[in-house]
């Protein structure tokens, strides 16, 4: 056993403990005795009774227990204060999280609205593009049809003119020959008539 003499409130005390074991506060309180209580029989000669020693021992124990209780009260108050601070901090954090969540939901809803609006504009633009493409295709088809008609009309016109020219090349000499023959006969008849009158 290890024995130490300490001074507590002016009263010498002997604290018993083991060198190989850890001594707690309660163990020190239970083994903490006034130095004179160890040798009661030896100090009786100085006029100190056993009852006085026991009363002193009880008083010391009550003092130690009171100090320990005060320390426990202080520790409990500190823990309660820390718990209240933590609870307040948690409430603040929960409030901030709710506000951030609400703001985030508002931003998401606003973004969804913008996306829907943009999608509507894109669909409208696509519809306009499709209408323009149909208009261009219709105009191109109409122009191609008109060009085809003009080409066919020109082709048939050229063919008709060519046929007229070819026909003229074949018909005009015959017509001229007939006209010439008729003219020769008419003149012959006129000459015969003149000859007869003379």
N, C-alpha and C. Protein backbone atom coordinates (compact mmCIF):
# COMPACT_ATOMS: atom_id res chain seq x y z
N UNK A 1 0.84 -1.19 0.00
CA UNK A 1 0.00 0.00 0.00
C UNK A 1 0.87 1.24 0.00
N UNK A 2 0.41 2.27 -0.74
CA UNK A 2 1.11 3.55 -0.79
C UNK A 2 0.37 4.50 0.12
N UNK A 3 1.13 5.20 0.93
CA UNK A 3 0.51 6.11 1.89
C UNK A 3 1.06 7.50 1.66
N UNK A 4 0.12 8.49 1.43
CA UNK A 4 0.53 9.87 1.25
C UNK A 4 -0.17 10.71 2.27
N UNK A 5 0.51 11.71 2.74
CA UNK A 5 -0.06 12.66 3.69
C UNK A 5 -0.30 13.96 2.94
N UNK A 6 -1.56 14.39 2.88
CA UNK A 6 -1.92 15.62 2.18
C UNK A 6 -2.59 16.55 3.16
N UNK A 7 -2.64 17.83 2.78
CA UNK A 7 -3.26 18.86 3.62
C UNK A 7 -4.60 19.22 3.01
N UNK A 8 -5.73 19.03 3.73
CA UNK A 8 -7.08 19.36 3.28
C UNK A 8 -7.75 20.19 4.33
N UNK A 9 -7.99 21.51 3.97
CA UNK A 9 -8.62 22.45 4.89
C UNK A 9 -7.85 22.54 6.22
N UNK A 10 -6.57 22.47 6.11
CA UNK A 10 -5.76 22.61 7.31
C UNK A 10 -5.65 21.37 8.15
N UNK A 11 -6.33 20.26 7.75
CA UNK A 11 -6.29 19.02 8.53
C UNK A 11 -5.43 18.02 7.78
N UNK A 12 -4.38 17.49 8.42
CA UNK A 12 -3.54 16.49 7.74
C UNK A 12 -4.34 15.22 7.48
N UNK A 13 -4.25 14.67 6.24
CA UNK A 13 -4.99 13.48 5.87
C UNK A 13 -4.04 12.48 5.27
N UNK A 14 -4.33 11.22 5.46
CA UNK A 14 -3.54 10.14 4.88
C UNK A 14 -4.39 9.47 3.81
N UNK A 15 -3.87 9.40 2.58
CA UNK A 15 -4.58 8.78 1.47
C UNK A 15 -3.91 7.46 1.16
N UNK A 16 -4.68 6.39 1.22
CA UNK A 16 -4.16 5.05 0.97
C UNK A 16 -4.46 4.68 -0.48
N UNK A 17 -3.53 4.05 -1.14
CA UNK A 17 -3.74 3.63 -2.52
C UNK A 17 -2.75 2.59 -2.91
N UNK A 18 -2.98 1.95 -4.06
CA UNK A 18 -2.10 0.90 -4.56
C UNK A 18 -1.26 1.46 -5.69
N UNK A 19 -0.01 1.03 -5.74
CA UNK A 19 0.87 1.47 -6.82
C UNK A 19 0.52 0.81 -8.15
N UNK A 20 -0.16 -0.33 -8.10
CA UNK A 20 -0.47 -1.07 -9.34
C UNK A 20 -1.87 -0.84 -9.83
N UNK A 21 -2.75 -0.20 -9.04
CA UNK A 21 -4.13 0.03 -9.46
C UNK A 21 -4.42 1.51 -9.50
N UNK A 22 -5.36 1.90 -10.38
CA UNK A 22 -5.74 3.31 -10.49
C UNK A 22 -6.75 3.61 -9.40
N UNK A 23 -6.55 4.70 -8.68
CA UNK A 23 -7.40 5.07 -7.55
C UNK A 23 -8.36 6.15 -8.00
N UNK A 24 -9.66 5.90 -7.87
CA UNK A 24 -10.67 6.88 -8.25
C UNK A 24 -10.93 7.84 -7.12
N UNK A 25 -11.75 8.88 -7.43
CA UNK A 25 -12.05 9.89 -6.40
C UNK A 25 -12.85 9.29 -5.26
N UNK A 26 -13.82 8.43 -5.60
CA UNK A 26 -14.62 7.80 -4.54
C UNK A 26 -13.78 6.89 -3.67
N UNK A 27 -12.82 6.16 -4.31
CA UNK A 27 -11.93 5.32 -3.52
C UNK A 27 -11.06 6.16 -2.60
N UNK A 28 -10.58 7.30 -3.11
CA UNK A 28 -9.79 8.18 -2.26
C UNK A 28 -10.64 8.72 -1.14
N UNK A 29 -11.93 9.03 -1.48
CA UNK A 29 -12.82 9.52 -0.42
C UNK A 29 -13.05 8.45 0.63
N UNK A 30 -13.20 7.19 0.18
CA UNK A 30 -13.48 6.12 1.15
C UNK A 30 -12.25 5.75 1.96
N UNK A 31 -11.05 5.99 1.40
CA UNK A 31 -9.82 5.64 2.12
C UNK A 31 -9.12 6.85 2.67
N UNK A 32 -9.78 8.04 2.51
CA UNK A 32 -9.15 9.26 3.00
C UNK A 32 -9.56 9.46 4.46
N UNK A 33 -8.63 9.38 5.30
CA UNK A 33 -8.88 9.48 6.75
C UNK A 33 -7.97 10.54 7.35
N UNK A 34 -8.43 11.19 8.41
CA UNK A 34 -7.50 12.07 9.13
C UNK A 34 -6.29 11.29 9.65
N UNK A 35 -5.18 11.95 9.65
CA UNK A 35 -3.96 11.26 10.08
C UNK A 35 -4.06 10.77 11.52
N UNK A 36 -4.80 11.51 12.32
CA UNK A 36 -4.91 11.11 13.73
C UNK A 36 -5.80 9.90 13.90
N UNK A 37 -6.75 9.64 12.87
CA UNK A 37 -7.64 8.49 12.99
C UNK A 37 -6.91 7.19 12.82
N UNK A 38 -5.73 7.22 12.20
CA UNK A 38 -4.97 6.00 12.01
C UNK A 38 -4.39 5.51 13.34
N UNK A 39 -4.14 6.45 14.13
CA UNK A 39 -3.54 6.08 15.43
C UNK A 39 -4.40 6.65 16.57
N UNK A 40 -5.67 6.21 16.59
CA UNK A 40 -6.61 6.73 17.60
C UNK A 40 -6.13 6.40 19.00
N UNK A 41 -5.73 5.18 19.13
CA UNK A 41 -5.34 4.76 20.48
C UNK A 41 -4.11 5.51 20.96
N UNK A 42 -3.25 5.86 20.02
CA UNK A 42 -2.03 6.57 20.42
C UNK A 42 -2.30 8.01 20.78
N UNK A 43 -3.40 8.59 20.22
CA UNK A 43 -3.67 10.00 20.47
C UNK A 43 -4.68 10.23 21.58
N UNK A 44 -5.21 9.15 22.11
CA UNK A 44 -6.16 9.33 23.20
C UNK A 44 -5.51 9.98 24.42
N UNK A 45 -4.27 9.80 24.46
CA UNK A 45 -3.57 10.41 25.59
C UNK A 45 -3.55 11.91 25.53
N UNK A 46 -3.84 12.48 24.34
CA UNK A 46 -3.87 13.94 24.20
C UNK A 46 -5.24 14.52 24.49
N UNK A 47 -6.19 13.71 24.92
CA UNK A 47 -7.51 14.20 25.28
C UNK A 47 -8.50 14.16 24.15
N UNK A 48 -8.26 13.41 23.07
CA UNK A 48 -9.16 13.31 21.93
C UNK A 48 -9.88 11.97 22.03
N UNK A 49 -11.22 12.01 22.03
CA UNK A 49 -12.00 10.78 22.18
C UNK A 49 -12.25 10.15 20.81
N UNK A 50 -12.68 8.90 20.87
CA UNK A 50 -13.01 8.16 19.64
C UNK A 50 -14.19 8.82 18.92
N UNK A 51 -15.15 9.32 19.71
CA UNK A 51 -16.31 9.98 19.13
C UNK A 51 -15.93 11.22 18.34
N UNK A 52 -14.99 11.96 18.87
CA UNK A 52 -14.52 13.17 18.17
C UNK A 52 -13.88 12.82 16.85
N UNK A 53 -13.10 11.75 16.88
CA UNK A 53 -12.45 11.33 15.63
C UNK A 53 -13.48 10.91 14.59
N UNK A 54 -14.50 10.15 15.05
CA UNK A 54 -15.54 9.71 14.12
C UNK A 54 -16.34 10.89 13.58
N UNK A 55 -16.64 11.86 14.48
CA UNK A 55 -17.36 13.06 14.01
C UNK A 55 -16.53 13.82 12.98
N UNK A 56 -15.26 13.94 13.25
CA UNK A 56 -14.38 14.62 12.27
C UNK A 56 -14.32 13.88 10.95
N UNK A 57 -14.28 12.53 11.07
CA UNK A 57 -14.26 11.72 9.85
C UNK A 57 -15.54 11.92 9.04
N UNK A 58 -16.69 11.88 9.74
CA UNK A 58 -17.96 12.10 9.04
C UNK A 58 -18.04 13.49 8.42
N UNK A 59 -17.54 14.48 9.15
CA UNK A 59 -17.56 15.85 8.62
C UNK A 59 -16.70 15.96 7.37
N UNK A 60 -15.53 15.32 7.43
CA UNK A 60 -14.66 15.35 6.25
C UNK A 60 -15.31 14.65 5.05
N UNK A 61 -15.99 13.52 5.36
CA UNK A 61 -16.67 12.80 4.28
C UNK A 61 -17.79 13.65 3.69
N UNK A 62 -18.57 14.33 4.57
CA UNK A 62 -19.64 15.20 4.09
C UNK A 62 -19.08 16.36 3.26
N UNK A 63 -17.94 16.92 3.73
CA UNK A 63 -17.32 18.01 2.97
C UNK A 63 -16.89 17.54 1.59
N UNK A 64 -16.24 16.35 1.59
CA UNK A 64 -15.80 15.82 0.30
C UNK A 64 -16.99 15.53 -0.61
N UNK A 65 -18.03 14.93 -0.02
CA UNK A 65 -19.23 14.63 -0.81
C UNK A 65 -19.89 15.91 -1.29
N UNK A 66 -19.90 16.95 -0.42
CA UNK A 66 -20.47 18.23 -0.84
C UNK A 66 -19.69 18.84 -1.98
N UNK A 67 -18.35 18.80 -1.86
CA UNK A 67 -17.53 19.33 -2.97
C UNK A 67 -17.77 18.54 -4.25
N UNK A 68 -17.86 17.23 -4.11
CA UNK A 68 -18.12 16.40 -5.29
C UNK A 68 -19.49 16.70 -5.87
N UNK A 69 -20.49 16.89 -5.00
CA UNK A 69 -21.82 17.24 -5.47
C UNK A 69 -21.85 18.58 -6.17
N UNK A 70 -21.08 19.55 -5.59
CA UNK A 70 -21.01 20.86 -6.24
C UNK A 70 -20.38 20.74 -7.62
N UNK A 71 -19.31 19.93 -7.69
CA UNK A 71 -18.67 19.72 -8.99
C UNK A 71 -19.63 19.05 -9.96
N UNK A 72 -20.41 18.08 -9.43
CA UNK A 72 -21.41 17.44 -10.29
C UNK A 72 -22.47 18.42 -10.77
N UNK A 73 -22.92 19.30 -9.85
CA UNK A 73 -23.91 20.31 -10.24
C UNK A 73 -23.37 21.24 -11.31
N UNK A 74 -22.12 21.68 -11.10
CA UNK A 74 -21.49 22.56 -12.09
C UNK A 74 -21.36 21.86 -13.44
N UNK A 75 -20.92 20.58 -13.37
CA UNK A 75 -20.78 19.81 -14.60
C UNK A 75 -22.13 19.60 -15.28
N UNK A 76 -23.17 19.32 -14.47
CA UNK A 76 -24.50 19.12 -15.03
C UNK A 76 -25.03 20.40 -15.66
N UNK A 77 -24.82 21.54 -14.99
CA UNK A 77 -25.25 22.81 -15.56
C UNK A 77 -24.53 23.10 -16.87
N UNK A 78 -23.22 22.82 -16.86
CA UNK A 78 -22.44 23.03 -18.09
C UNK A 78 -22.94 22.12 -19.21
N UNK A 79 -23.22 20.86 -18.85
CA UNK A 79 -23.73 19.93 -19.87
C UNK A 79 -25.10 20.37 -20.37
N UNK A 80 -25.96 20.83 -19.45
CA UNK A 80 -27.28 21.32 -19.86
C UNK A 80 -27.15 22.55 -20.77
N UNK A 81 -26.21 23.44 -20.40
CA UNK A 81 -25.99 24.62 -21.22
C UNK A 81 -25.47 24.23 -22.60
N UNK A 82 -24.50 23.28 -22.61
CA UNK A 82 -23.98 22.82 -23.90
C UNK A 82 -25.08 22.14 -24.72
N UNK A 83 -25.93 21.34 -24.04
CA UNK A 83 -27.02 20.69 -24.75
C UNK A 83 -28.00 21.72 -25.32
N UNK A 84 -28.29 22.77 -24.52
CA UNK A 84 -29.18 23.83 -25.01
C UNK A 84 -28.57 24.55 -26.21
N UNK A 85 -27.24 24.82 -26.12
CA UNK A 85 -26.56 25.46 -27.25
C UNK A 85 -26.60 24.58 -28.49
N UNK A 86 -26.36 23.28 -28.27
CA UNK A 86 -26.39 22.35 -29.40
C UNK A 86 -27.79 22.28 -30.00
N UNK A 87 -28.82 22.25 -29.12
CA UNK A 87 -30.19 22.22 -29.60
C UNK A 87 -30.53 23.48 -30.38
N UNK A 88 -30.08 24.64 -29.85
CA UNK A 88 -30.32 25.89 -30.56
C UNK A 88 -29.61 25.90 -31.90
N UNK A 89 -28.36 25.40 -31.90
CA UNK A 89 -27.62 25.33 -33.16
C UNK A 89 -28.31 24.41 -34.15
N UNK A 90 -28.83 23.27 -33.65
CA UNK A 90 -29.55 22.35 -34.53
C UNK A 90 -30.82 22.99 -35.08
N UNK A 91 -31.52 23.75 -34.23
CA UNK A 91 -32.72 24.44 -34.70
C UNK A 91 -32.38 25.46 -35.79
N UNK A 92 -31.27 26.19 -35.56
CA UNK A 92 -30.83 27.17 -36.56
C UNK A 92 -30.46 26.46 -37.86
N UNK A 93 -29.73 25.33 -37.72
CA UNK A 93 -29.35 24.59 -38.92
C UNK A 93 -30.57 24.03 -39.64
N UNK A 94 -31.55 23.51 -38.87
CA UNK A 94 -32.77 23.01 -39.50
C UNK A 94 -33.52 24.13 -40.21
N UNK A 95 -33.57 25.31 -39.57
CA UNK A 95 -34.23 26.45 -40.22
C UNK A 95 -33.51 26.83 -41.51
N UNK A 96 -32.17 26.88 -41.44
CA UNK A 96 -31.40 27.22 -42.64
C UNK A 96 -31.60 26.17 -43.73
N UNK A 97 -31.61 24.89 -43.31
CA UNK A 97 -31.82 23.82 -44.29
C UNK A 97 -33.20 23.94 -44.93
N UNK A 98 -34.23 24.24 -44.12
CA UNK A 98 -35.57 24.42 -44.66
C UNK A 98 -35.62 25.58 -45.64
N UNK A 99 -34.96 26.71 -45.25
CA UNK A 99 -34.95 27.87 -46.14
C UNK A 99 -34.21 27.56 -47.43
N UNK A 100 -33.05 26.89 -47.29
CA UNK A 100 -32.29 26.53 -48.48
C UNK A 100 -33.09 25.56 -49.36
N UNK A 101 -33.76 24.59 -48.72
CA UNK A 101 -34.56 23.64 -49.48
C UNK A 101 -35.72 24.34 -50.18
N UNK A 102 -36.37 25.28 -49.47
CA UNK A 102 -37.47 26.02 -50.07
C UNK A 102 -36.98 26.86 -51.25
N UNK A 103 -35.84 27.53 -51.04
CA UNK A 103 -35.28 28.34 -52.13
C UNK A 103 -34.87 27.47 -53.30
N UNK A 104 -34.29 26.28 -52.98
CA UNK A 104 -33.88 25.37 -54.05
C UNK A 104 -35.09 24.87 -54.83
N UNK A 105 -36.17 24.52 -54.11
CA UNK A 105 -37.39 24.09 -54.80
C UNK A 105 -37.95 25.22 -55.66
N UNK A 106 -37.90 26.46 -55.15
CA UNK A 106 -38.38 27.60 -55.93
C UNK A 106 -37.55 27.76 -57.20
N UNK A 107 -36.22 27.65 -57.05
CA UNK A 107 -35.35 27.78 -58.22
C UNK A 107 -35.61 26.65 -59.21
N UNK A 108 -35.81 25.43 -58.70
CA UNK A 108 -36.08 24.30 -59.59
C UNK A 108 -37.40 24.50 -60.33
N UNK A 109 -38.44 24.97 -59.60
CA UNK A 109 -39.73 25.24 -60.26
C UNK A 109 -39.59 26.33 -61.31
N UNK A 110 -38.84 27.38 -60.97
CA UNK A 110 -38.62 28.46 -61.93
C UNK A 110 -37.87 27.96 -63.15
N UNK A 111 -36.86 27.11 -62.91
CA UNK A 111 -36.10 26.55 -64.02
C UNK A 111 -36.98 25.65 -64.88
N UNK A 112 -37.85 24.85 -64.23
CA UNK A 112 -38.78 24.01 -65.00
C UNK A 112 -39.71 24.87 -65.85
N UNK A 113 -40.18 25.99 -65.27
CA UNK A 113 -41.05 26.89 -66.04
C UNK A 113 -40.31 27.46 -67.25
N UNK A 114 -39.05 27.87 -67.02
CA UNK A 114 -38.26 28.41 -68.13
C UNK A 114 -38.02 27.34 -69.19
N UNK A 115 -37.73 26.11 -68.74
CA UNK A 115 -37.50 25.02 -69.70
C UNK A 115 -38.77 24.75 -70.51
N UNK A 116 -39.93 24.75 -69.82
CA UNK A 116 -41.19 24.53 -70.53
C UNK A 116 -41.45 25.66 -71.53
N UNK A 117 -41.19 26.90 -71.10
CA UNK A 117 -41.37 28.04 -72.00
C UNK A 117 -40.43 27.95 -73.19
N UNK A 118 -39.17 27.58 -72.92
CA UNK A 118 -38.21 27.44 -74.01
C UNK A 118 -38.60 26.30 -74.94
N UNK A 119 -39.12 25.21 -74.37
CA UNK A 119 -39.57 24.09 -75.20
C UNK A 119 -40.72 24.53 -76.11
N UNK A 120 -41.65 25.34 -75.56
CA UNK A 120 -42.74 25.86 -76.39
C UNK A 120 -42.22 26.73 -77.52
N UNK A 121 -41.24 27.59 -77.21
CA UNK A 121 -40.67 28.44 -78.26
C UNK A 121 -39.96 27.59 -79.31
N UNK A 122 -39.25 26.55 -78.86
CA UNK A 122 -38.55 25.69 -79.81
C UNK A 122 -39.55 24.97 -80.71
N UNK A 123 -40.65 24.47 -80.10
CA UNK A 123 -41.67 23.80 -80.91
C UNK A 123 -42.29 24.78 -81.92
N UNK A 124 -42.56 26.01 -81.48
CA UNK A 124 -43.12 27.01 -82.38
C UNK A 124 -42.14 27.32 -83.51
N UNK A 125 -40.86 27.46 -83.16
CA UNK A 125 -39.84 27.73 -84.18
C UNK A 125 -39.74 26.56 -85.15
N UNK A 126 -39.78 25.33 -84.61
CA UNK A 126 -39.75 24.16 -85.50
C UNK A 126 -40.95 24.15 -86.43
N UNK A 127 -42.12 24.52 -85.89
CA UNK A 127 -43.32 24.58 -86.74
C UNK A 127 -43.16 25.62 -87.84
N UNK A 128 -42.61 26.79 -87.47
CA UNK A 128 -42.38 27.82 -88.48
C UNK A 128 -41.37 27.36 -89.53
N UNK A 129 -40.31 26.68 -89.07
CA UNK A 129 -39.32 26.15 -90.01
C UNK A 129 -39.96 25.13 -90.95
N UNK A 130 -40.80 24.25 -90.38
CA UNK A 130 -41.48 23.26 -91.22
C UNK A 130 -42.39 23.94 -92.24
N UNK A 131 -43.13 24.98 -91.79
CA UNK A 131 -43.98 25.72 -92.72
C UNK A 131 -43.18 26.39 -93.82
N UNK A 132 -42.04 26.98 -93.44
CA UNK A 132 -41.19 27.62 -94.44
C UNK A 132 -40.63 26.60 -95.42
N UNK A 133 -40.23 25.44 -94.89
CA UNK A 133 -39.72 24.39 -95.78
C UNK A 133 -40.80 23.92 -96.75
N UNK A 134 -42.03 23.75 -96.23
CA UNK A 134 -43.13 23.36 -97.13
C UNK A 134 -43.39 24.43 -98.17
N UNK A 135 -43.31 25.71 -97.75
CA UNK A 135 -43.52 26.80 -98.71
C UNK A 135 -42.44 26.81 -99.78
N UNK A 136 -41.18 26.63 -99.35
CA UNK A 136 -40.08 26.61 -100.32
C UNK A 136 -40.22 25.42 -101.27
N UNK A 137 -40.58 24.26 -100.69
CA UNK A 137 -40.75 23.09 -101.55
C UNK A 137 -41.90 23.30 -102.54
N UNK A 138 -43.00 23.90 -102.05
CA UNK A 138 -44.13 24.17 -102.95
C UNK A 138 -43.75 25.15 -104.05
N UNK A 139 -43.00 26.22 -103.67
CA UNK A 139 -42.57 27.20 -104.66
C UNK A 139 -41.63 26.55 -105.67
N UNK A 140 -40.70 25.71 -105.17
CA UNK A 140 -39.77 25.05 -106.10
C UNK A 140 -40.52 24.11 -107.03
N UNK A 141 -41.50 23.37 -106.47
CA UNK A 141 -42.28 22.47 -107.33
C UNK A 141 -43.09 23.26 -108.36
N UNK A 142 -43.66 24.39 -107.94
CA UNK A 142 -44.43 25.22 -108.87
C UNK A 142 -43.53 25.78 -109.96
N UNK A 143 -42.35 26.26 -109.57
CA UNK A 143 -41.41 26.77 -110.56
C UNK A 143 -40.96 25.68 -111.51
N UNK A 144 -40.71 24.50 -110.94
CA UNK A 144 -40.30 23.40 -111.80
C UNK A 144 -41.42 23.01 -112.76
N UNK A 145 -42.66 23.03 -112.26
CA UNK A 145 -43.80 22.70 -113.12
C UNK A 145 -43.96 23.76 -114.21
N UNK A 146 -43.85 25.05 -113.83
CA UNK A 146 -43.96 26.10 -114.84
C UNK A 146 -42.83 26.01 -115.86
N UNK A 147 -41.62 25.72 -115.37
CA UNK A 147 -40.50 25.59 -116.30
C UNK A 147 -40.70 24.41 -117.23
N UNK A 148 -41.25 23.32 -116.67
CA UNK A 148 -41.51 22.15 -117.51
C UNK A 148 -42.56 22.48 -118.57
N UNK A 149 -43.62 23.20 -118.13
CA UNK A 149 -44.64 23.59 -119.11
C UNK A 149 -44.06 24.51 -120.17
N UNK A 150 -43.26 25.50 -119.72
CA UNK A 150 -42.64 26.41 -120.69
C UNK A 150 -41.71 25.66 -121.62
N UNK A 151 -40.97 24.71 -121.05
CA UNK A 151 -40.05 23.93 -121.88
C UNK A 151 -40.83 23.11 -122.90
N UNK A 152 -41.91 22.47 -122.44
CA UNK A 152 -42.71 21.67 -123.36
C UNK A 152 -43.37 22.54 -124.42
N UNK A 153 -43.89 23.72 -123.99
CA UNK A 153 -44.50 24.62 -124.97
C UNK A 153 -43.47 25.10 -125.99
N UNK A 154 -42.29 25.45 -125.47
CA UNK A 154 -41.24 25.88 -126.40
C UNK A 154 -40.82 24.77 -127.33
N UNK A 155 -40.73 23.55 -126.72
CA UNK A 155 -40.34 22.41 -127.56
C UNK A 155 -41.38 22.16 -128.65
N UNK A 156 -42.66 22.14 -128.23
CA UNK A 156 -43.70 21.92 -129.23
C UNK A 156 -43.77 23.08 -130.22
N UNK A 157 -43.50 24.31 -129.76
CA UNK A 157 -43.48 25.45 -130.68
C UNK A 157 -42.38 25.31 -131.71
N UNK A 158 -41.21 24.89 -131.20
CA UNK A 158 -40.09 24.69 -132.13
C UNK A 158 -40.41 23.58 -133.11
N UNK A 159 -41.00 22.50 -132.57
CA UNK A 159 -41.38 21.40 -133.47
C UNK A 159 -42.39 21.86 -134.51
N UNK A 160 -43.37 22.68 -134.05
CA UNK A 160 -44.38 23.17 -135.00
C UNK A 160 -43.75 24.06 -136.06
N UNK A 161 -42.87 24.95 -135.62
CA UNK A 161 -42.20 25.82 -136.61
C UNK A 161 -41.37 25.00 -137.58
N UNK A 162 -40.69 23.99 -137.00
CA UNK A 162 -39.88 23.14 -137.88
C UNK A 162 -40.76 22.41 -138.89
N UNK A 163 -41.88 21.92 -138.37
CA UNK A 163 -42.80 21.23 -139.29
C UNK A 163 -43.34 22.19 -140.34
N UNK A 164 -43.62 23.42 -139.92
CA UNK A 164 -44.09 24.41 -140.90
C UNK A 164 -43.03 24.68 -141.95
N UNK A 165 -41.81 24.80 -141.47
CA UNK A 165 -40.74 25.06 -142.43
C UNK A 165 -40.55 23.88 -143.37
N UNK A 166 -40.58 22.68 -142.77
CA UNK A 166 -40.44 21.49 -143.62
C UNK A 166 -41.61 21.39 -144.60
N UNK A 167 -42.81 21.65 -144.07
CA UNK A 167 -43.98 21.60 -144.95
C UNK A 167 -43.90 22.65 -146.06
N UNK A 168 -43.42 23.82 -145.65
CA UNK A 168 -43.27 24.87 -146.67
C UNK A 168 -42.27 24.45 -147.72
N UNK A 169 -41.22 23.81 -147.27
CA UNK A 169 -40.21 23.37 -148.24
C UNK A 169 -40.77 22.35 -149.22
N UNK A 170 -41.73 21.54 -148.73
CA UNK A 170 -42.34 20.55 -149.62
C UNK A 170 -43.56 21.09 -150.36
N UNK A 171 -44.31 21.94 -149.74
CA UNK A 171 -45.59 22.38 -150.31
C UNK A 171 -45.42 23.57 -151.25
N UNK A 172 -44.59 24.53 -150.87
CA UNK A 172 -44.46 25.75 -151.66
C UNK A 172 -44.03 25.49 -153.11
N UNK A 173 -43.06 24.64 -153.36
CA UNK A 173 -42.73 24.41 -154.78
C UNK A 173 -43.90 23.85 -155.59
N UNK A 174 -44.66 22.96 -154.94
CA UNK A 174 -45.81 22.40 -155.65
C UNK A 174 -46.87 23.46 -155.87
N UNK A 175 -47.08 24.29 -154.87
CA UNK A 175 -48.07 25.36 -155.02
C UNK A 175 -47.62 26.35 -156.09
N UNK A 176 -46.33 26.66 -156.02
CA UNK A 176 -45.82 27.58 -157.04
C UNK A 176 -45.92 26.96 -158.45
N UNK A 177 -45.66 25.66 -158.51
CA UNK A 177 -45.75 25.00 -159.83
C UNK A 177 -47.18 25.04 -160.34
N UNK A 178 -48.14 24.77 -159.42
CA UNK A 178 -49.54 24.83 -159.82
C UNK A 178 -49.93 26.25 -160.22
N UNK A 179 -49.49 27.20 -159.39
CA UNK A 179 -49.81 28.60 -159.72
C UNK A 179 -49.20 28.99 -161.06
N UNK A 180 -47.95 28.53 -161.26
CA UNK A 180 -47.30 28.85 -162.53
C UNK A 180 -48.03 28.18 -163.73
N UNK A 181 -48.46 26.95 -163.52
CA UNK A 181 -49.18 26.25 -164.57
C UNK A 181 -50.50 26.94 -164.88
N UNK A 182 -51.20 27.35 -163.82
CA UNK A 182 -52.46 28.07 -164.01
C UNK A 182 -52.21 29.38 -164.73
N UNK A 183 -51.15 30.06 -164.34
CA UNK A 183 -50.84 31.33 -164.98
C UNK A 183 -50.50 31.13 -166.46
N UNK A 184 -49.78 30.05 -166.74
CA UNK A 184 -49.42 29.77 -168.15
C UNK A 184 -50.69 29.48 -168.96
N UNK A 185 -51.57 28.66 -168.36
CA UNK A 185 -52.81 28.32 -169.06
C UNK A 185 -53.66 29.57 -169.25
N UNK A 186 -53.75 30.43 -168.27
CA UNK A 186 -54.55 31.64 -168.39
C UNK A 186 -54.01 32.53 -169.50
N UNK A 187 -52.69 32.63 -169.51
CA UNK A 187 -52.10 33.46 -170.57
C UNK A 187 -52.30 32.82 -171.97
N UNK A 188 -52.23 31.52 -171.99
CA UNK A 188 -52.44 30.84 -173.29
C UNK A 188 -53.86 31.07 -173.79
N UNK A 189 -54.79 30.99 -172.82
CA UNK A 189 -56.19 31.23 -173.18
C UNK A 189 -56.38 32.67 -173.64
N UNK A 190 -55.76 33.58 -172.97
CA UNK A 190 -55.88 34.98 -173.37
C UNK A 190 -55.24 35.19 -174.75
N UNK A 191 -54.14 34.53 -174.99
CA UNK A 191 -53.50 34.68 -176.30
C UNK A 191 -54.37 34.08 -177.41
N UNK A 192 -54.95 32.92 -177.09
CA UNK A 192 -55.83 32.31 -178.10
C UNK A 192 -57.04 33.22 -178.39
N UNK A 193 -57.55 33.85 -177.40
CA UNK A 193 -58.69 34.75 -177.58
C UNK A 193 -58.30 35.95 -178.44
N UNK A 194 -57.16 36.49 -178.24
CA UNK A 194 -56.69 37.62 -179.01
C UNK A 194 -56.46 37.21 -180.46
N UNK A 195 -55.92 36.03 -180.60
CA UNK A 195 -55.66 35.56 -181.95
C UNK A 195 -56.97 35.38 -182.71
N UNK A 196 -57.99 34.92 -182.04
CA UNK A 196 -59.26 34.68 -182.70
C UNK A 196 -59.94 36.00 -183.07
N UNK A 197 -59.80 36.95 -182.27
CA UNK A 197 -60.43 38.23 -182.55
C UNK A 197 -59.74 38.97 -183.70
N UNK A 198 -58.53 38.74 -183.86
CA UNK A 198 -57.81 39.40 -184.93
C UNK A 198 -58.00 38.61 -186.22
